Amino acid sequence: MSLKPENIELSDKIMAGINKAVRNLVISSAANDEKLVVADKEGNIRHVPAKDLLATPSK
């Protein structure tokens, strides 16, 4: 199944919005010295200080 160009464009816009929202969440959480719950590739859940997430390069 191939995607239409307009669907790809919409998908890209949605992903950009999600990335922006997550970045804003991490920034505001770091400012309040809070922790966020994250999962690694194996599904293991960890509580990570938001400041540590800001120091990590994004993929």
PDB file of N, CA and C in Angstrom:
ATOM      1  N   MET A   1       0.844  -1.172   0.000  1.00  0.00           N
ATOM      2  CA  MET A   1       0.000   0.000   0.000  1.00  0.00           C
ATOM      3  C   MET A   1       0.890   1.237   0.000  1.00  0.00           C
ATOM      4  N   SER A   2       0.681   2.101  -0.951  1.00  0.00           N
ATOM      5  CA  SER A   2       1.469   3.328  -1.006  1.00  0.00           C
ATOM      6  C   SER A   2       0.653   4.487  -0.450  1.00  0.00           C
ATOM      7  N   LEU A   3       1.352   5.414   0.155  1.00  0.00           N
ATOM      8  CA  LEU A   3       0.694   6.583   0.730  1.00  0.00           C
ATOM      9  C   LEU A   3       0.650   7.706  -0.287  1.00  0.00           C
ATOM     10  N   LYS A   4      -0.440   8.429  -0.265  1.00  0.00           N
ATOM     11  CA  LYS A   4      -0.571   9.594  -1.135  1.00  0.00           C
ATOM     12  C   LYS A   4       0.284  10.721  -0.572  1.00  0.00           C
ATOM     13  N   PRO A   5       0.795  11.586  -1.442  1.00  0.00           N
ATOM     14  CA  PRO A   5       1.642  12.698  -0.969  1.00  0.00           C
ATOM     15  C   PRO A   5       0.961  13.568   0.085  1.00  0.00           C
ATOM     16  N   GLU A   6      -0.341  13.802  -0.049  1.00  0.00           N
ATOM     17  CA  GLU A   6      -1.024  14.633   0.946  1.00  0.00           C
ATOM     18  C   GLU A   6      -1.105  13.939   2.303  1.00  0.00           C
ATOM     19  N   ASN A   7      -1.170  12.599   2.295  1.00  0.00           N
ATOM     20  CA  ASN A   7      -1.174  11.858   3.557  1.00  0.00           C
ATOM     21  C   ASN A   7       0.198  11.891   4.215  1.00  0.00           C
ATOM     22  N   ILE A   8       1.235  11.830   3.412  1.00  0.00           N
ATOM     23  CA  ILE A   8       2.595  11.913   3.940  1.00  0.00           C
ATOM     24  C   ILE A   8       2.824  13.289   4.550  1.00  0.00           C
ATOM     25  N   GLU A   9       2.354  14.326   3.866  1.00  0.00           N
ATOM     26  CA  GLU A   9       2.506  15.690   4.374  1.00  0.00           C
ATOM     27  C   GLU A   9       1.754  15.864   5.691  1.00  0.00           C
ATOM     28  N   LEU A  10       0.540  15.333   5.768  1.00  0.00           N
ATOM     29  CA  LEU A  10      -0.243  15.421   7.002  1.00  0.00           C
ATOM     30  C   LEU A  10       0.453  14.666   8.130  1.00  0.00           C
ATOM     31  N   SER A  11       0.961  13.487   7.823  1.00  0.00           N
ATOM     32  CA  SER A  11       1.681  12.695   8.819  1.00  0.00           C
ATOM     33  C   SER A  11       2.907  13.440   9.339  1.00  0.00           C
ATOM     34  N   ASP A  12       3.634  14.085   8.442  1.00  0.00           N
ATOM     35  CA  ASP A  12       4.809  14.863   8.847  1.00  0.00           C
ATOM     36  C   ASP A  12       4.418  16.021   9.759  1.00  0.00           C
ATOM     37  N   LYS A  13       3.307  16.684   9.450  1.00  0.00           N
ATOM     38  CA  LYS A  13       2.842  17.795  10.278  1.00  0.00           C
ATOM     39  C   LYS A  13       2.422  17.308  11.664  1.00  0.00           C
ATOM     40  N   ILE A  14       1.750  16.171  11.711  1.00  0.00           N
ATOM     41  CA  ILE A  14       1.326  15.611  12.998  1.00  0.00           C
ATOM     42  C   ILE A  14       2.542  15.246  13.840  1.00  0.00           C
ATOM     43  N   MET A  15       3.532  14.586  13.228  1.00  0.00           N
ATOM     44  CA  MET A  15       4.737  14.206  13.963  1.00  0.00           C
ATOM     45  C   MET A  15       5.496  15.430  14.460  1.00  0.00           C
ATOM     46  N   ALA A  16       5.547  16.491  13.659  1.00  0.00           N
ATOM     47  CA  ALA A  16       6.220  17.723  14.083  1.00  0.00           C
ATOM     48  C   ALA A  16       5.501  18.327  15.282  1.00  0.00           C
ATOM     49  N   GLY A  17       4.177  18.293  15.279  1.00  0.00           N
ATOM     50  CA  GLY A  17       3.402  18.808  16.407  1.00  0.00           C
ATOM     51  C   GLY A  17       3.615  17.992  17.669  1.00  0.00           C
ATOM     52  N   ILE A  18       3.662  16.672  17.523  1.00  0.00           N
ATOM     53  CA  ILE A  18       3.906  15.797  18.672  1.00  0.00           C
ATOM     54  C   ILE A  18       5.295  16.062  19.244  1.00  0.00           C
ATOM     55  N   ASN A  19       6.292  16.166  18.379  1.00  0.00           N
ATOM     56  CA  ASN A  19       7.660  16.436  18.841  1.00  0.00           C
ATOM     57  C   ASN A  19       7.748  17.764  19.574  1.00  0.00           C
ATOM     58  N   LYS A  20       7.058  18.779  19.062  1.00  0.00           N
ATOM     59  CA  LYS A  20       7.059  20.096  19.707  1.00  0.00           C
ATOM     60  C   LYS A  20       6.393  20.022  21.080  1.00  0.00           C
ATOM     61  N   ALA A  21       5.281  19.296  21.174  1.00  0.00           N
ATOM     62  CA  ALA A  21       4.572  19.165  22.447  1.00  0.00           C
ATOM     63  C   ALA A  21       5.416  18.424  23.482  1.00  0.00           C
ATOM     64  N   VAL A  22       6.082  17.356  23.062  1.00  0.00           N
ATOM     65  CA  VAL A  22       6.934  16.595  23.982  1.00  0.00           C
ATOM     66  C   VAL A  22       8.104  17.454  24.444  1.00  0.00           C
ATOM     67  N   ARG A  23       8.699  18.194  23.528  1.00  0.00           N
ATOM     68  CA  ARG A  23       9.822  19.085  23.898  1.00  0.00           C
ATOM     69  C   ARG A  23       9.361  20.123  24.916  1.00  0.00           C
ATOM     70  N   ASN A  24       8.188  20.724  24.690  1.00  0.00           N
ATOM     71  CA  ASN A  24       7.657  21.703  25.642  1.00  0.00           C
ATOM     72  C   ASN A  24       7.388  21.064  27.002  1.00  0.00           C
ATOM     73  N   LEU A  25       6.900  19.821  27.010  1.00  0.00           N
ATOM     74  CA  LEU A  25       6.664  19.109  28.265  1.00  0.00           C
ATOM     75  C   LEU A  25       7.970  18.906  29.021  1.00  0.00           C
ATOM     76  N   VAL A  26       9.011  18.484  28.324  1.00  0.00           N
ATOM     77  CA  VAL A  26      10.305  18.248  28.966  1.00  0.00           C
ATOM     78  C   VAL A  26      10.881  19.555  29.506  1.00  0.00           C
ATOM     79  N   ILE A  27      10.778  20.626  28.734  1.00  0.00           N
ATOM     80  CA  ILE A  27      11.311  21.922  29.177  1.00  0.00           C
ATOM     81  C   ILE A  27      10.582  22.414  30.419  1.00  0.00           C
ATOM     82  N   SER A  28       9.253  22.343  30.421  1.00  0.00           N
ATOM     83  CA  SER A  28       8.507  22.826  31.588  1.00  0.00           C
ATOM     84  C   SER A  28       8.729  21.925  32.800  1.00  0.00           C
ATOM     85  N   SER A  29       8.864  20.634  32.577  1.00  0.00           N
ATOM     86  CA  SER A  29       9.134  19.718  33.686  1.00  0.00           C
ATOM     87  C   SER A  29      10.528  19.952  34.259  1.00  0.00           C
ATOM     88  N   ALA A  30      11.493  20.221  33.408  1.00  0.00           N
ATOM     89  CA  ALA A  30      12.852  20.501  33.880  1.00  0.00           C
ATOM     90  C   ALA A  30      12.879  21.790  34.690  1.00  0.00           C
ATOM     91  N   ALA A  31      12.109  22.779  34.271  1.00  0.00           N
ATOM     92  CA  ALA A  31      12.061  24.051  34.997  1.00  0.00           C
ATOM     93  C   ALA A  31      11.479  23.873  36.396  1.00  0.00           C
ATOM     94  N   ASN A  32      10.607  22.874  36.556  1.00  0.00           N
ATOM     95  CA  ASN A  32       9.992  22.602  37.857  1.00  0.00           C
ATOM     96  C   ASN A  32      10.689  21.474  38.604  1.00  0.00           C
ATOM     97  N   ASP A  33      11.855  21.039  38.103  1.00  0.00           N
ATOM     98  CA  ASP A  33      12.652  19.977  38.726  1.00  0.00           C
ATOM     99  C   ASP A  33      11.833  18.701  38.927  1.00  0.00           C
ATOM    100  N   GLU A  34      11.112  18.295  37.884  1.00  0.00           N
ATOM    101  CA  GLU A  34      10.257  17.110  37.951  1.00  0.00           C
ATOM    102  C   GLU A  34      10.887  15.945  37.199  1.00  0.00           C
ATOM    103  N   LYS A  35      10.313  14.767  37.418  1.00  0.00           N
ATOM    104  CA  LYS A  35      10.726  13.568  36.701  1.00  0.00           C
ATOM    105  C   LYS A  35       9.638  13.197  35.705  1.00  0.00           C
ATOM    106  N   LEU A  36      10.042  12.523  34.635  1.00  0.00           N
ATOM    107  CA  LEU A  36       9.103  12.013  33.646  1.00  0.00           C
ATOM    108  C   LEU A  36       9.255  10.500  33.567  1.00  0.00           C
ATOM    109  N   VAL A  37       8.181   9.830  33.221  1.00  0.00           N
ATOM    110  CA  VAL A  37       8.196   8.379  33.074  1.00  0.00           C
ATOM    111  C   VAL A  37       8.454   8.064  31.606  1.00  0.00           C
ATOM    112  N   VAL A  38       9.496   7.288  31.353  1.00  0.00           N
ATOM    113  CA  VAL A  38       9.854   6.915  29.985  1.00  0.00           C
ATOM    114  C   VAL A  38      10.062   5.406  29.921  1.00  0.00           C
ATOM    115  N   ALA A  39       9.955   4.861  28.719  1.00  0.00           N
ATOM    116  CA  ALA A  39      10.199   3.438  28.508  1.00  0.00           C
ATOM    117  C   ALA A  39      11.331   3.280  27.504  1.00  0.00           C
ATOM    118  N   ASP A  40      12.167   2.266  27.721  1.00  0.00           N
ATOM    119  CA  ASP A  40      13.234   2.004  26.762  1.00  0.00           C
ATOM    120  C   ASP A  40      12.712   1.092  25.650  1.00  0.00           C
ATOM    121  N   LYS A  41      13.587   0.668  24.769  1.00  0.00           N
ATOM    122  CA  LYS A  41      13.174  -0.138  23.614  1.00  0.00           C
ATOM    123  C   LYS A  41      12.587  -1.489  24.013  1.00  0.00           C
ATOM    124  N   GLU A  42      12.988  -1.984  25.183  1.00  0.00           N
ATOM    125  CA  GLU A  42      12.478  -3.269  25.651  1.00  0.00           C
ATOM    126  C   GLU A  42      11.178  -3.124  26.436  1.00  0.00           C
ATOM    127  N   GLY A  43      10.728  -1.890  26.651  1.00  0.00           N
ATOM    128  CA  GLY A  43       9.485  -1.654  27.377  1.00  0.00           C
ATOM    129  C   GLY A  43       9.661  -1.475  28.871  1.00  0.00           C
ATOM    130  N   ASN A  44      10.901  -1.421  29.345  1.00  0.00           N
ATOM    131  CA  ASN A  44      11.155  -1.203  30.766  1.00  0.00           C
ATOM    132  C   ASN A  44      10.887   0.255  31.112  1.00  0.00           C
ATOM    133  N   ILE A  45      10.122   0.467  32.170  1.00  0.00           N
ATOM    134  CA  ILE A  45       9.722   1.814  32.570  1.00  0.00           C
ATOM    135  C   ILE A  45      10.724   2.373  33.565  1.00  0.00           C
ATOM    136  N   ARG A  46      11.082   3.659  33.362  1.00  0.00           N
ATOM    137  CA  ARG A  46      12.008   4.348  34.270  1.00  0.00           C
ATOM    138  C   ARG A  46      11.481   5.736  34.568  1.00  0.00           C
ATOM    139  N   HIS A  47      11.813   6.244  35.748  1.00  0.00           N
ATOM    140  CA  HIS A  47      11.531   7.627  36.131  1.00  0.00           C
ATOM    141  C   HIS A  47      12.834   8.393  35.938  1.00  0.00           C
ATOM    142  N   VAL A  48      12.824   9.363  35.020  1.00  0.00           N
ATOM    143  CA  VAL A  48      14.035  10.086  34.650  1.00  0.00           C
ATOM    144  C   VAL A  48      13.838  11.573  34.919  1.00  0.00           C
ATOM    145  N   PRO A  49      14.805  12.218  35.590  1.00  0.00           N
ATOM    146  CA  PRO A  49      14.696  13.668  35.755  1.00  0.00           C
ATOM    147  C   PRO A  49      14.630  14.349  34.383  1.00  0.00           C
ATOM    148  N   ALA A  50      13.721  15.296  34.251  1.00  0.00           N
ATOM    149  CA  ALA A  50      13.541  15.984  32.967  1.00  0.00           C
ATOM    150  C   ALA A  50      14.821  16.688  32.535  1.00  0.00           C
ATOM    151  N   LYS A  51      15.609  17.152  33.487  1.00  0.00           N
ATOM    152  CA  LYS A  51      16.873  17.817  33.153  1.00  0.00           C
ATOM    153  C   LYS A  51      17.819  16.858  32.429  1.00  0.00           C
ATOM    154  N   ASP A  52      17.775  15.575  32.790  1.00  0.00           N
ATOM    155  CA  ASP A  52      18.606  14.586  32.106  1.00  0.00           C
ATOM    156  C   ASP A  52      18.156  14.401  30.659  1.00  0.00           C
ATOM    157  N   LEU A  53      16.852  14.480  30.427  1.00  0.00           N
ATOM    158  CA  LEU A  53      16.343  14.339  29.063  1.00  0.00           C
ATOM    159  C   LEU A  53      16.749  15.527  28.197  1.00  0.00           C
ATOM    160  N   LEU A  54      16.823  16.707  28.799  1.00  0.00           N
ATOM    161  CA  LEU A  54      17.260  17.883  28.040  1.00  0.00           C
ATOM    162  C   LEU A  54      18.730  17.774  27.654  1.00  0.00           C
ATOM    163  N   ALA A  55      19.520  17.130  28.503  1.00  0.00           N
ATOM    164  CA  ALA A  55      20.955  17.004  28.245  1.00  0.00           C
ATOM    165  C   ALA A  55      21.246  15.927  27.201  1.00  0.00           C
ATOM    166  N   THR A  56      20.267  15.054  26.926  1.00  0.00           N
ATOM    167  CA  THR A  56      20.444  13.970  25.974  1.00  0.00           C
ATOM    168  C   THR A  56      20.116  14.453  24.563  1.00  0.00           C
ATOM    169  N   PRO A  57      20.988  14.190  23.585  1.00  0.00           N
ATOM    170  CA  PRO A  57      20.669  14.598  22.212  1.00  0.00           C
ATOM    171  C   PRO A  57      19.443  13.850  21.697  1.00  0.00           C
ATOM    172  N   SER A  58      18.573  14.540  20.984  1.00  0.00           N
ATOM    173  CA  SER A  58      17.370  13.900  20.451  1.00  0.00           C
ATOM    174  C   SER A  58      17.702  13.128  19.186  1.00  0.00           C
ATOM    175  N   LYS A  59      16.887  12.120  18.906  1.00  0.00           N
ATOM    176  CA  LYS A  59      17.108  11.274  17.725  1.00  0.00           C
ATOM    177  C   LYS A  59      16.205  11.707  16.603  1.00  0.00           C
TER     178      LYS A  59
END
